[in-house]
């Protein structure tokens, strides 16, 4: 599972692709059209029980990863 956060001025899809490159390397090739938005949801961080985390889940070739903001 690849995770990270959405930076200012970035769409969730752009963040997902950037996070994949950060985890898998800049030579990794992704076809933007193969990313499918699956769902989003909010949770409370288990570390402090107060911080809200928003998860965006995308699918790419039967793999799932999360982008959180």
Protein backbone atom coordinates (compact mmCIF):
# COMPACT_ATOMS: atom_id res chain seq x y z
CA UNK A 1 0.00 0.00 0.00
CA UNK A 2 1.42 3.36 -1.02
CA UNK A 3 0.37 6.38 0.99
CA UNK A 4 1.12 10.03 1.40
CA UNK A 5 -0.61 13.35 1.24
CA UNK A 6 -2.00 15.72 -1.34
CA UNK A 7 0.13 18.83 -1.76
CA UNK A 8 -1.25 22.31 -2.38
CA UNK A 9 -2.47 22.75 -5.97
CA UNK A 10 -2.36 19.02 -6.65
CA UNK A 11 -5.31 16.79 -7.52
CA UNK A 12 -5.73 13.48 -5.71
CA UNK A 13 -4.79 11.66 -8.92
CA UNK A 14 -1.62 13.73 -9.31
CA UNK A 15 -0.79 12.98 -5.67
CA UNK A 16 -1.34 9.26 -6.22
CA UNK A 17 1.02 9.23 -9.21
CA UNK A 18 3.64 11.30 -7.35
CA UNK A 19 3.46 9.00 -4.32
CA UNK A 20 3.93 5.96 -6.57
CA UNK A 21 7.05 7.56 -8.06
CA UNK A 22 8.37 8.39 -4.59
CA UNK A 23 7.93 4.79 -3.45
CA UNK A 24 8.79 2.94 -6.68
CA UNK A 25 11.29 5.33 -8.30
CA UNK A 26 11.15 7.97 -10.99
CA UNK A 27 11.62 5.35 -13.73
CA UNK A 28 8.27 3.74 -12.90
CA UNK A 29 5.80 4.34 -15.72
CA UNK A 30 2.12 4.87 -15.03
CA UNK A 31 -0.67 5.40 -17.52
CA UNK A 32 -2.93 7.99 -15.92
CA UNK A 33 -5.91 6.37 -17.66
CA UNK A 34 -5.32 3.11 -15.73
CA UNK A 35 -5.95 4.75 -12.35
CA UNK A 36 -9.50 4.20 -11.17
CA UNK A 37 -10.95 6.07 -8.21
CA UNK A 38 -12.59 3.52 -5.90
CA UNK A 39 -13.71 5.42 -2.80
CA UNK A 40 -12.83 7.96 -0.17
CA UNK A 41 -13.52 7.98 3.56
CA UNK A 42 -12.51 9.69 6.78
CA UNK A 43 -11.05 8.17 9.92
CA UNK A 44 -9.58 9.44 13.16
CA UNK A 45 -5.85 8.85 13.64
CA UNK A 46 -5.17 6.09 16.12
CA UNK A 47 -2.07 7.92 17.32
CA UNK A 48 -3.94 10.77 19.00
CA UNK A 49 -7.65 10.00 18.56
CA UNK A 50 -8.34 13.58 17.37
CA UNK A 51 -6.65 14.09 13.98
CA UNK A 52 -9.00 13.53 11.05
CA UNK A 53 -7.50 11.73 8.07
CA UNK A 54 -9.15 11.66 4.64
CA UNK A 55 -8.31 8.59 2.55
CA UNK A 56 -8.62 8.36 -1.24
CA UNK A 57 -8.38 4.86 -2.68
CA UNK A 58 -7.33 4.27 -6.28
CA UNK A 59 -6.97 1.00 -8.16
CA UNK A 60 -4.22 0.32 -10.69
CA UNK A 61 -3.80 -3.14 -12.27
CA UNK A 62 -5.43 -4.93 -9.35
CA UNK A 63 -3.30 -3.10 -6.79
CA UNK A 64 -4.67 -0.65 -4.25
CA UNK A 65 -2.94 2.27 -2.61
CA UNK A 66 -4.10 5.11 -0.42
CA UNK A 67 -3.46 8.81 -0.62
CA UNK A 68 -4.31 10.60 2.60
CA UNK A 69 -4.91 14.26 3.35
